Amino acid sequence: MLAICHNCLMVGEYLEDNMKKLVLAAALTAAASTAYAGSMADPVIEAPVIVEEAAGSSAGGIIIPLLVLAAIVAVAAD
């Protein structure tokens, strides 16, 4: 009878070791599956907003009047 109880203890330890391995495998599988969570839909990418600066400077509008004034001064000097 003592031998049967000894075998029962060995079987119990064997089952306990296998159960620990099973729980560890289940935990690792659950942790790995959360890394791949999400949908298979294409990601939505919004177009960037482009702000265009006004070309030119404030000096661009004064060049022509200065040339006209210079022409007038040259004509008046003759």
Foldseek 3Di string as FASTA:
>chain_A
DVVVVVVVVVVVVVVVVVVVVVVVVVVVVVVVVVVVDDDPDDDDDDDDDDDDDDDDDPVVVVPVVVVVVVVVVVVVVD
